PDB file of all heavy atoms in Angstrom:
ATOM      1  N   VAL A   1       0.849  -1.195   0.000  1.00  0.00           N
ATOM      2  CA  VAL A   1       0.000   0.000   0.000  1.00  0.00           C
ATOM      3  C   VAL A   1       0.882   1.242   0.000  1.00  0.00           C
ATOM      4  O   VAL A   1       2.070   1.172   0.303  1.00  0.00           O
ATOM      5  CB  VAL A   1      -0.931   0.033   1.234  1.00  0.00           C
ATOM      6  CG1 VAL A   1      -1.845  -1.181   1.268  1.00  0.00           C
ATOM      7  CG2 VAL A   1      -0.118   0.117   2.534  1.00  0.00           C
ATOM      8  N   PHE A   2       0.286   2.382  -0.341  1.00  0.00           N
ATOM      9  CA  PHE A   2       1.043   3.617  -0.208  1.00  0.00           C
ATOM     10  C   PHE A   2       0.142   4.723   0.328  1.00  0.00           C
ATOM     11  O   PHE A   2      -1.083   4.711   0.161  1.00  0.00           O
ATOM     12  CB  PHE A   2       1.714   4.033  -1.524  1.00  0.00           C
ATOM     13  CG  PHE A   2       0.806   4.626  -2.559  1.00  0.00           C
ATOM     14  CD1 PHE A   2       0.612   6.002  -2.642  1.00  0.00           C
ATOM     15  CD2 PHE A   2       0.160   3.815  -3.468  1.00  0.00           C
ATOM     16  CE1 PHE A   2      -0.217   6.548  -3.604  1.00  0.00           C
ATOM     17  CE2 PHE A   2      -0.672   4.356  -4.442  1.00  0.00           C
ATOM     18  CZ  PHE A   2      -0.858   5.728  -4.510  1.00  0.00           C
ATOM     19  N   GLY A   3       0.780   5.676   1.004  1.00  0.00           N
ATOM     20  CA  GLY A   3       0.062   6.800   1.590  1.00  0.00           C
ATOM     21  C   GLY A   3       0.873   8.070   1.469  1.00  0.00           C
ATOM     22  O   GLY A   3       2.052   8.046   1.081  1.00  0.00           O
ATOM     23  N   ARG A   4       0.252   9.181   1.810  1.00  0.00           N
ATOM     24  CA  ARG A   4       0.938  10.475   1.730  1.00  0.00           C
ATOM     25  C   ARG A   4       0.493  11.358   2.873  1.00  0.00           C
ATOM     26  O   ARG A   4      -0.534  11.108   3.520  1.00  0.00           O
ATOM     27  CB  ARG A   4       0.658  11.161   0.389  1.00  0.00           C
ATOM     28  CG  ARG A   4      -0.813  11.419   0.105  1.00  0.00           C
ATOM     29  CD  ARG A   4      -0.986  12.155  -1.222  1.00  0.00           C
ATOM     30  NE  ARG A   4      -0.647  13.574  -1.094  1.00  0.00           N
ATOM     31  CZ  ARG A   4      -0.333  14.356  -2.118  1.00  0.00           C
ATOM     32  NH1 ARG A   4      -0.272  13.850  -3.343  1.00  0.00           N
ATOM     33  NH2 ARG A   4      -0.077  15.638  -1.928  1.00  0.00           N
ATOM     34  N   ILE A   5       1.277  12.378   3.120  1.00  0.00           N
ATOM     35  CA  ILE A   5       0.940  13.357   4.137  1.00  0.00           C
ATOM     36  C   ILE A   5       1.401  14.719   3.621  1.00  0.00           C
ATOM     37  O   ILE A   5       2.488  14.844   3.048  1.00  0.00           O
ATOM     38  CB  ILE A   5       1.622  13.010   5.489  1.00  0.00           C
ATOM     39  CG1 ILE A   5       1.180  13.964   6.594  1.00  0.00           C
ATOM     40  CG2 ILE A   5       3.124  12.993   5.361  1.00  0.00           C
ATOM     41  CD1 ILE A   5       1.669  13.535   7.974  1.00  0.00           C
ATOM     42  N   GLU A   6       0.549  15.721   3.774  1.00  0.00           N
ATOM     43  CA  GLU A   6       0.904  17.068   3.363  1.00  0.00           C
ATOM     44  C   GLU A   6       1.712  17.739   4.471  1.00  0.00           C
ATOM     45  O   GLU A   6       1.334  17.693   5.644  1.00  0.00           O
ATOM     46  CB  GLU A   6      -0.351  17.886   3.063  1.00  0.00           C
ATOM     47  CG  GLU A   6      -1.177  17.369   1.884  1.00  0.00           C
ATOM     48  CD  GLU A   6      -0.439  17.479   0.561  1.00  0.00           C
ATOM     49  OE1 GLU A   6       0.418  18.383   0.428  1.00  0.00           O
ATOM     50  OE2 GLU A   6      -0.720  16.667  -0.340  1.00  0.00           O
ATOM     51  N   THR A   7       2.810  18.339   4.103  1.00  0.00           N
ATOM     52  CA  THR A   7       3.667  18.991   5.098  1.00  0.00           C
ATOM     53  C   THR A   7       3.237  20.432   5.319  1.00  0.00           C
ATOM     54  O   THR A   7       2.588  21.052   4.468  1.00  0.00           O
ATOM     55  CB  THR A   7       5.137  18.965   4.654  1.00  0.00           C
ATOM     56  OG1 THR A   7       5.273  19.771   3.474  1.00  0.00           O
ATOM     57  CG2 THR A   7       5.581  17.540   4.351  1.00  0.00           C
ATOM     58  N   ASP A   8       3.598  20.987   6.458  1.00  0.00           N
ATOM     59  CA  ASP A   8       3.278  22.382   6.760  1.00  0.00           C
ATOM     60  C   ASP A   8       3.983  23.340   5.808  1.00  0.00           C
ATOM     61  O   ASP A   8       3.494  24.438   5.537  1.00  0.00           O
ATOM     62  CB  ASP A   8       3.685  22.704   8.208  1.00  0.00           C
ATOM     63  CG  ASP A   8       2.864  21.919   9.217  1.00  0.00           C
ATOM     64  OD1 ASP A   8       1.748  21.506   8.862  1.00  0.00           O
ATOM     65  OD2 ASP A   8       3.356  21.714  10.344  1.00  0.00           O
ATOM     66  N   GLU A   9       5.132  22.921   5.319  1.00  0.00           N
ATOM     67  CA  GLU A   9       5.904  23.776   4.419  1.00  0.00           C
ATOM     68  C   GLU A   9       5.398  23.707   2.982  1.00  0.00           C
ATOM     69  O   GLU A   9       5.873  24.431   2.105  1.00  0.00           O
ATOM     70  CB  GLU A   9       7.384  23.371   4.441  1.00  0.00           C
ATOM     71  CG  GLU A   9       8.057  23.515   5.796  1.00  0.00           C
ATOM     72  CD  GLU A   9       7.729  22.353   6.728  1.00  0.00           C
ATOM     73  OE1 GLU A   9       7.250  21.308   6.234  1.00  0.00           O
ATOM     74  OE2 GLU A   9       7.933  22.498   7.943  1.00  0.00           O
ATOM     75  N   GLY A  10       4.454  22.798   2.726  1.00  0.00           N
ATOM     76  CA  GLY A  10       3.973  22.593   1.366  1.00  0.00           C
ATOM     77  C   GLY A  10       4.628  21.387   0.725  1.00  0.00           C
ATOM     78  O   GLY A  10       5.789  21.072   0.997  1.00  0.00           O
ATOM     79  N   GLY A  11       3.888  20.699  -0.125  1.00  0.00           N
ATOM     80  CA  GLY A  11       4.399  19.480  -0.736  1.00  0.00           C
ATOM     81  C   GLY A  11       4.016  18.269   0.087  1.00  0.00           C
ATOM     82  O   GLY A  11       3.542  18.374   1.225  1.00  0.00           O
ATOM     83  N   ALA A  12       4.239  17.111  -0.494  1.00  0.00           N
ATOM     84  CA  ALA A  12       3.813  15.855   0.131  1.00  0.00           C
ATOM     85  C   ALA A  12       5.005  14.979   0.483  1.00  0.00           C
ATOM     86  O   ALA A  12       6.059  15.038  -0.168  1.00  0.00           O
ATOM     87  CB  ALA A  12       2.870  15.099  -0.789  1.00  0.00           C
ATOM     88  N   GLU A  13       4.825  14.165   1.521  1.00  0.00           N
ATOM     89  CA  GLU A  13       5.741  13.084   1.845  1.00  0.00           C
ATOM     90  C   GLU A  13       5.017  11.780   1.573  1.00  0.00           C
ATOM     91  O   GLU A  13       3.797  11.686   1.750  1.00  0.00           O
ATOM     92  CB  GLU A  13       6.183  13.157   3.308  1.00  0.00           C
ATOM     93  CG  GLU A  13       6.955  14.420   3.635  1.00  0.00           C
ATOM     94  CD  GLU A  13       7.389  14.498   5.088  1.00  0.00           C
ATOM     95  OE1 GLU A  13       6.762  13.808   5.935  1.00  0.00           O
ATOM     96  OE2 GLU A  13       8.334  15.250   5.369  1.00  0.00           O
ATOM     97  N   TYR A  14       5.757  10.756   1.160  1.00  0.00           N
ATOM     98  CA  TYR A  14       5.145   9.492   0.764  1.00  0.00           C
ATOM     99  C   TYR A  14       5.728   8.327   1.558  1.00  0.00           C
ATOM    100  O   TYR A  14       6.919   8.319   1.888  1.00  0.00           O
ATOM    101  CB  TYR A  14       5.368   9.227  -0.727  1.00  0.00           C
ATOM    102  CG  TYR A  14       4.627  10.184  -1.636  1.00  0.00           C
ATOM    103  CD1 TYR A  14       5.244  11.348  -2.087  1.00  0.00           C
ATOM    104  CD2 TYR A  14       3.323   9.923  -2.040  1.00  0.00           C
ATOM    105  CE1 TYR A  14       4.569  12.236  -2.929  1.00  0.00           C
ATOM    106  CE2 TYR A  14       2.637  10.799  -2.874  1.00  0.00           C
ATOM    107  CZ  TYR A  14       3.268  11.949  -3.313  1.00  0.00           C
ATOM    108  OH  TYR A  14       2.600  12.828  -4.138  1.00  0.00           O
ATOM    109  N   GLN A  15       4.856   7.359   1.829  1.00  0.00           N
ATOM    110  CA  GLN A  15       5.308   6.112   2.429  1.00  0.00           C
ATOM    111  C   GLN A  15       4.660   4.943   1.694  1.00  0.00           C
ATOM    112  O   GLN A  15       3.471   4.987   1.355  1.00  0.00           O
ATOM    113  CB  GLN A  15       4.953   6.022   3.914  1.00  0.00           C
ATOM    114  CG  GLN A  15       5.490   4.739   4.554  1.00  0.00           C
ATOM    115  CD  GLN A  15       5.056   4.531   5.999  1.00  0.00           C
ATOM    116  OE1 GLN A  15       5.148   3.427   6.509  1.00  0.00           O
ATOM    117  NE2 GLN A  15       4.572   5.580   6.658  1.00  0.00           N
ATOM    118  N   ILE A  16       5.455   3.905   1.459  1.00  0.00           N
ATOM    119  CA  ILE A  16       4.979   2.647   0.877  1.00  0.00           C
ATOM    120  C   ILE A  16       5.262   1.561   1.900  1.00  0.00           C
ATOM    121  O   ILE A  16       6.333   1.528   2.514  1.00  0.00           O
ATOM    122  CB  ILE A  16       5.697   2.365  -0.459  1.00  0.00           C
ATOM    123  CG1 ILE A  16       5.346   3.455  -1.474  1.00  0.00           C
ATOM    124  CG2 ILE A  16       5.317   0.990  -1.001  1.00  0.00           C
ATOM    125  CD1 ILE A  16       6.181   3.437  -2.725  1.00  0.00           C
ATOM    126  N   ALA A  17       4.301   0.656   2.112  1.00  0.00           N
ATOM    127  CA  ALA A  17       4.465  -0.335   3.176  1.00  0.00           C
ATOM    128  C   ALA A  17       3.697  -1.612   2.862  1.00  0.00           C
ATOM    129  O   ALA A  17       2.781  -1.621   2.031  1.00  0.00           O
ATOM    130  CB  ALA A  17       3.980   0.232   4.515  1.00  0.00           C
ATOM    131  N   SER A  18       4.067  -2.672   3.565  1.00  0.00           N
ATOM    132  CA  SER A  18       3.365  -3.952   3.413  1.00  0.00           C
ATOM    133  C   SER A  18       1.929  -3.874   3.890  1.00  0.00           C
ATOM    134  O   SER A  18       1.046  -4.516   3.318  1.00  0.00           O
ATOM    135  CB  SER A  18       4.095  -5.054   4.187  1.00  0.00           C
ATOM    136  OG  SER A  18       5.346  -5.342   3.623  1.00  0.00           O
ATOM    137  N   GLU A  19       1.691  -3.118   4.961  1.00  0.00           N
ATOM    138  CA  GLU A  19       0.352  -3.042   5.539  1.00  0.00           C
ATOM    139  C   GLU A  19       0.008  -1.601   5.882  1.00  0.00           C
ATOM    140  O   GLU A  19       0.891  -0.800   6.232  1.00  0.00           O
ATOM    141  CB  GLU A  19       0.247  -3.907   6.799  1.00  0.00           C
ATOM    142  CG  GLU A  19       0.412  -5.391   6.559  1.00  0.00           C
ATOM    143  CD  GLU A  19       0.226  -6.202   7.836  1.00  0.00           C
ATOM    144  OE1 GLU A  19      -0.570  -5.771   8.703  1.00  0.00           O
ATOM    145  OE2 GLU A  19       0.873  -7.256   7.969  1.00  0.00           O
ATOM    146  N   SER A  20      -1.282  -1.300   5.842  1.00  0.00           N
ATOM    147  CA  SER A  20      -1.745   0.067   6.082  1.00  0.00           C
ATOM    148  C   SER A  20      -1.478   0.536   7.504  1.00  0.00           C
ATOM    149  O   SER A  20      -1.393   1.739   7.759  1.00  0.00           O
ATOM    150  CB  SER A  20      -3.246   0.169   5.788  1.00  0.00           C
ATOM    151  OG  SER A  20      -4.001  -0.652   6.678  1.00  0.00           O
ATOM    152  N   VAL A  21      -1.325  -0.401   8.452  1.00  0.00           N
ATOM    153  CA  VAL A  21      -1.091  -0.009   9.841  1.00  0.00           C
ATOM    154  C   VAL A  21       0.191   0.806   9.979  1.00  0.00           C
ATOM    155  O   VAL A  21       0.301   1.680  10.849  1.00  0.00           O
ATOM    156  CB  VAL A  21      -1.068  -1.260  10.755  1.00  0.00           C
ATOM    157  CG1 VAL A  21       0.099  -2.174  10.419  1.00  0.00           C
ATOM    158  CG2 VAL A  21      -1.026  -0.873  12.221  1.00  0.00           C
ATOM    159  N   ALA A  22       1.171   0.544   9.095  1.00  0.00           N
ATOM    160  CA  ALA A  22       2.414   1.314   9.147  1.00  0.00           C
ATOM    161  C   ALA A  22       2.183   2.757   8.724  1.00  0.00           C
ATOM    162  O   ALA A  22       2.916   3.655   9.147  1.00  0.00           O
ATOM    163  CB  ALA A  22       3.469   0.662   8.255  1.00  0.00           C
ATOM    164  N   LEU A  23       1.186   2.990   7.896  1.00  0.00           N
ATOM    165  CA  LEU A  23       0.828   4.358   7.516  1.00  0.00           C
ATOM    166  C   LEU A  23       0.057   5.036   8.638  1.00  0.00           C
ATOM    167  O   LEU A  23       0.357   6.173   9.020  1.00  0.00           O
ATOM    168  CB  LEU A  23      -0.021   4.351   6.240  1.00  0.00           C
ATOM    169  CG  LEU A  23       0.508   3.592   5.023  1.00  0.00           C
ATOM    170  CD1 LEU A  23      -0.487   3.685   3.876  1.00  0.00           C
ATOM    171  CD2 LEU A  23       1.850   4.132   4.587  1.00  0.00           C
ATOM    172  N   ASP A  24      -0.947   4.352   9.167  1.00  0.00           N
ATOM    173  CA  ASP A  24      -1.820   4.928  10.189  1.00  0.00           C
ATOM    174  C   ASP A  24      -1.038   5.439  11.385  1.00  0.00           C
ATOM    175  O   ASP A  24      -1.243   6.565  11.861  1.00  0.00           O
ATOM    176  CB  ASP A  24      -2.831   3.881  10.686  1.00  0.00           C
ATOM    177  CG  ASP A  24      -3.678   3.306   9.567  1.00  0.00           C
ATOM    178  OD1 ASP A  24      -3.794   3.963   8.517  1.00  0.00           O
ATOM    179  OD2 ASP A  24      -4.208   2.193   9.748  1.00  0.00           O
ATOM    180  N   THR A  25      -0.152   4.586  11.886  1.00  0.00           N
ATOM    181  CA  THR A  25       0.524   4.912  13.138  1.00  0.00           C
ATOM    182  C   THR A  25       1.538   6.038  12.980  1.00  0.00           C
ATOM    183  O   THR A  25       1.957   6.630  13.974  1.00  0.00           O
ATOM    184  CB  THR A  25       1.238   3.666  13.706  1.00  0.00           C
ATOM    185  OG1 THR A  25       2.139   3.160  12.717  1.00  0.00           O
ATOM    186  CG2 THR A  25       0.232   2.583  14.066  1.00  0.00           C
ATOM    187  N   LEU A  26       1.931   6.324  11.740  1.00  0.00           N
ATOM    188  CA  LEU A  26       2.915   7.380  11.494  1.00  0.00           C
ATOM    189  C   LEU A  26       2.292   8.628  10.888  1.00  0.00           C
ATOM    190  O   LEU A  26       3.008   9.535  10.452  1.00  0.00           O
ATOM    191  CB  LEU A  26       4.028   6.851  10.590  1.00  0.00           C
ATOM    192  CG  LEU A  26       4.870   5.719  11.211  1.00  0.00           C
ATOM    193  CD1 LEU A  26       5.831   5.142  10.193  1.00  0.00           C
ATOM    194  CD2 LEU A  26       5.628   6.216  12.433  1.00  0.00           C
ATOM    195  N   GLY A  27       0.963   8.675  10.864  1.00  0.00           N
ATOM    196  CA  GLY A  27       0.278   9.881  10.442  1.00  0.00           C
ATOM    197  C   GLY A  27       0.088  10.043   8.946  1.00  0.00           C
ATOM    198  O   GLY A  27      -0.352  11.099   8.489  1.00  0.00           O
ATOM    199  N   PHE A  28       0.385   9.008   8.166  1.00  0.00           N
ATOM    200  CA  PHE A  28       0.169   9.062   6.728  1.00  0.00           C
ATOM    201  C   PHE A  28      -1.264   8.647   6.402  1.00  0.00           C
ATOM    202  O   PHE A  28      -1.821   7.755   7.053  1.00  0.00           O
ATOM    203  CB  PHE A  28       1.141   8.150   5.987  1.00  0.00           C
ATOM    204  CG  PHE A  28       2.550   8.655   5.932  1.00  0.00           C
ATOM    205  CD1 PHE A  28       3.392   8.546   7.043  1.00  0.00           C
ATOM    206  CD2 PHE A  28       3.053   9.252   4.786  1.00  0.00           C
ATOM    207  CE1 PHE A  28       4.696   9.014   7.002  1.00  0.00           C
ATOM    208  CE2 PHE A  28       4.354   9.717   4.728  1.00  0.00           C
ATOM    209  CZ  PHE A  28       5.177   9.602   5.847  1.00  0.00           C
ATOM    210  N   GLU A  29      -1.835   9.261   5.398  1.00  0.00           N
ATOM    211  CA  GLU A  29      -3.168   8.891   4.936  1.00  0.00           C
ATOM    212  C   GLU A  29      -3.059   7.814   3.868  1.00  0.00           C
ATOM    213  O   GLU A  29      -2.305   7.962   2.894  1.00  0.00           O
ATOM    214  CB  GLU A  29      -3.892  10.106   4.360  1.00  0.00           C
ATOM    215  CG  GLU A  29      -5.284   9.788   3.820  1.00  0.00           C
ATOM    216  CD  GLU A  29      -5.928  10.978   3.153  1.00  0.00           C
ATOM    217  OE1 GLU A  29      -5.317  12.073   3.155  1.00  0.00           O
ATOM    218  OE2 GLU A  29      -7.040  10.820   2.596  1.00  0.00           O
ATOM    219  N   LEU A  30      -3.774   6.720   4.056  1.00  0.00           N
ATOM    220  CA  LEU A  30      -3.787   5.651   3.059  1.00  0.00           C
ATOM    221  C   LEU A  30      -4.411   6.170   1.769  1.00  0.00           C
ATOM    222  O   LEU A  30      -5.558   6.624   1.765  1.00  0.00           O
ATOM    223  CB  LEU A  30      -4.566   4.442   3.580  1.00  0.00           C
ATOM    224  CG  LEU A  30      -4.821   3.310   2.583  1.00  0.00           C
ATOM    225  CD1 LEU A  30      -3.506   2.658   2.145  1.00  0.00           C
ATOM    226  CD2 LEU A  30      -5.762   2.265   3.199  1.00  0.00           C
ATOM    227  N   VAL A  31      -3.661   6.121   0.681  1.00  0.00           N
ATOM    228  CA  VAL A  31      -4.192   6.520  -0.617  1.00  0.00           C
ATOM    229  C   VAL A  31      -4.881   5.330  -1.276  1.00  0.00           C
ATOM    230  O   VAL A  31      -6.063   5.381  -1.613  1.00  0.00           O
ATOM    231  CB  VAL A  31      -3.076   7.083  -1.523  1.00  0.00           C
ATOM    232  CG1 VAL A  31      -3.624   7.398  -2.927  1.00  0.00           C
ATOM    233  CG2 VAL A  31      -2.472   8.340  -0.899  1.00  0.00           C
ATOM    234  N   ARG A  32      -4.156   4.244  -1.450  1.00  0.00           N
ATOM    235  CA  ARG A  32      -4.713   3.025  -2.028  1.00  0.00           C
ATOM    236  C   ARG A  32      -3.650   1.937  -2.007  1.00  0.00           C
ATOM    237  O   ARG A  32      -2.498   2.161  -1.622  1.00  0.00           O
ATOM    238  CB  ARG A  32      -5.189   3.249  -3.459  1.00  0.00           C
ATOM    239  CG  ARG A  32      -4.109   3.711  -4.425  1.00  0.00           C
ATOM    240  CD  ARG A  32      -4.648   3.828  -5.841  1.00  0.00           C
ATOM    241  NE  ARG A  32      -3.670   4.387  -6.768  1.00  0.00           N
ATOM    242  CZ  ARG A  32      -2.728   3.695  -7.394  1.00  0.00           C
ATOM    243  NH1 ARG A  32      -2.599   2.395  -7.157  1.00  0.00           N
ATOM    244  NH2 ARG A  32      -1.883   4.286  -8.238  1.00  0.00           N
ATOM    245  N   ASP A  33      -4.039   0.748  -2.439  1.00  0.00           N
ATOM    246  CA  ASP A  33      -3.083  -0.335  -2.628  1.00  0.00           C
ATOM    247  C   ASP A  33      -2.331  -0.121  -3.941  1.00  0.00           C
ATOM    248  O   ASP A  33      -2.879   0.439  -4.900  1.00  0.00           O
ATOM    249  CB  ASP A  33      -3.806  -1.680  -2.671  1.00  0.00           C
ATOM    250  CG  ASP A  33      -4.514  -1.993  -1.378  1.00  0.00           C
ATOM    251  OD1 ASP A  33      -5.651  -1.522  -1.195  1.00  0.00           O
ATOM    252  OD2 ASP A  33      -3.940  -2.718  -0.552  1.00  0.00           O
ATOM    253  N   VAL A  34      -1.098  -0.580  -3.976  1.00  0.00           N
ATOM    254  CA  VAL A  34      -0.395  -0.671  -5.246  1.00  0.00           C
ATOM    255  C   VAL A  34      -1.081  -1.781  -6.040  1.00  0.00           C
ATOM    256  O   VAL A  34      -1.279  -2.888  -5.533  1.00  0.00           O
ATOM    257  CB  VAL A  34       1.094  -0.984  -5.040  1.00  0.00           C
ATOM    258  CG1 VAL A  34       1.807  -1.136  -6.378  1.00  0.00           C
ATOM    259  CG2 VAL A  34       1.752   0.100  -4.198  1.00  0.00           C
ATOM    260  N   ALA A  35      -1.471  -1.508  -7.256  1.00  0.00           N
ATOM    261  CA  ALA A  35      -2.211  -2.478  -8.056  1.00  0.00           C
ATOM    262  C   ALA A  35      -1.294  -3.607  -8.522  1.00  0.00           C
ATOM    263  O   ALA A  35      -0.081  -3.420  -8.668  1.00  0.00           O
ATOM    264  CB  ALA A  35      -2.849  -1.789  -9.264  1.00  0.00           C
ATOM    265  N   PRO A  36      -1.834  -4.798  -8.767  1.00  0.00           N
ATOM    266  CA  PRO A  36      -1.017  -5.875  -9.333  1.00  0.00           C
ATOM    267  C   PRO A  36      -0.359  -5.421 -10.634  1.00  0.00           C
ATOM    268  O   PRO A  36      -1.030  -4.861 -11.510  1.00  0.00           O
ATOM    269  CB  PRO A  36      -2.039  -6.986  -9.590  1.00  0.00           C
ATOM    270  CG  PRO A  36      -3.160  -6.709  -8.636  1.00  0.00           C
ATOM    271  CD  PRO A  36      -3.227  -5.213  -8.518  1.00  0.00           C
ATOM    272  N   GLY A  37       0.937  -5.628 -10.751  1.00  0.00           N
ATOM    273  CA  GLY A  37       1.654  -5.237 -11.953  1.00  0.00           C
ATOM    274  C   GLY A  37       2.026  -3.771 -12.027  1.00  0.00           C
ATOM    275  O   GLY A  37       2.729  -3.353 -12.957  1.00  0.00           O
ATOM    276  N   GLU A  38       1.588  -2.972 -11.072  1.00  0.00           N
ATOM    277  CA  GLU A  38       1.859  -1.539 -11.105  1.00  0.00           C
ATOM    278  C   GLU A  38       3.233  -1.225 -10.517  1.00  0.00           C
ATOM    279  O   GLU A  38       3.717  -1.920  -9.615  1.00  0.00           O
ATOM    280  CB  GLU A  38       0.795  -0.787 -10.304  1.00  0.00           C
ATOM    281  CG  GLU A  38       0.974   0.742 -10.316  1.00  0.00           C
ATOM    282  CD  GLU A  38      -0.032   1.467  -9.440  1.00  0.00           C
ATOM    283  OE1 GLU A  38      -0.649   0.818  -8.567  1.00  0.00           O
ATOM    284  OE2 GLU A  38      -0.197   2.689  -9.625  1.00  0.00           O
ATOM    285  N   ALA A  39       3.850  -0.172 -11.027  1.00  0.00           N
ATOM    286  CA  ALA A  39       5.076   0.363 -10.447  1.00  0.00           C
ATOM    287  C   ALA A  39       4.852   1.813 -10.066  1.00  0.00           C
ATOM    288  O   ALA A  39       4.143   2.555 -10.758  1.00  0.00           O
ATOM    289  CB  ALA A  39       6.242   0.249 -11.423  1.00  0.00           C
ATOM    290  N   ILE A  40       5.453   2.215  -8.958  1.00  0.00           N
ATOM    291  CA  ILE A  40       5.393   3.600  -8.480  1.00  0.00           C
ATOM    292  C   ILE A  40       6.820   4.093  -8.333  1.00  0.00           C
ATOM    293  O   ILE A  40       7.683   3.383  -7.792  1.00  0.00           O
ATOM    294  CB  ILE A  40       4.643   3.676  -7.139  1.00  0.00           C
ATOM    295  CG1 ILE A  40       3.135   3.450  -7.348  1.00  0.00           C
ATOM    296  CG2 ILE A  40       4.884   5.015  -6.446  1.00  0.00           C
ATOM    297  CD1 ILE A  40       2.358   3.343  -6.058  1.00  0.00           C
ATOM    298  N   PHE A  41       7.086   5.283  -8.817  1.00  0.00           N
ATOM    299  CA  PHE A  41       8.399   5.909  -8.654  1.00  0.00           C
ATOM    300  C   PHE A  41       8.219   7.300  -8.064  1.00  0.00           C
ATOM    301  O   PHE A  41       7.401   8.086  -8.548  1.00  0.00           O
ATOM    302  CB  PHE A  41       9.140   6.008  -9.997  1.00  0.00           C
ATOM    303  CG  PHE A  41      10.473   6.690  -9.886  1.00  0.00           C
ATOM    304  CD1 PHE A  41      11.518   6.083  -9.219  1.00  0.00           C
ATOM    305  CD2 PHE A  41      10.676   7.953 -10.435  1.00  0.00           C
ATOM    306  CE1 PHE A  41      12.747   6.712  -9.099  1.00  0.00           C
ATOM    307  CE2 PHE A  41      11.899   8.594 -10.314  1.00  0.00           C
ATOM    308  CZ  PHE A  41      12.944   7.972  -9.645  1.00  0.00           C
ATOM    309  N   ILE A  42       8.954   7.579  -7.005  1.00  0.00           N
ATOM    310  CA  ILE A  42       8.931   8.887  -6.349  1.00  0.00           C
ATOM    311  C   ILE A  42      10.363   9.402  -6.336  1.00  0.00           C
ATOM    312  O   ILE A  42      11.245   8.781  -5.730  1.00  0.00           O
ATOM    313  CB  ILE A  42       8.383   8.792  -4.912  1.00  0.00           C
ATOM    314  CG1 ILE A  42       7.007   8.114  -4.902  1.00  0.00           C
ATOM    315  CG2 ILE A  42       8.294  10.176  -4.277  1.00  0.00           C
ATOM    316  CD1 ILE A  42       6.569   7.618  -3.548  1.00  0.00           C
TER     317      ILE A  42
END
């Protein structure tokens, strides 16, 4: 899964993780699951 969080200074920070709980506990908003066969580059 991947999530993002908007910073106070502007712009986004991103996290990718095996499970959404890693996003929740660190303040990231779950965007969606990485789709089968999909690639994400940041």
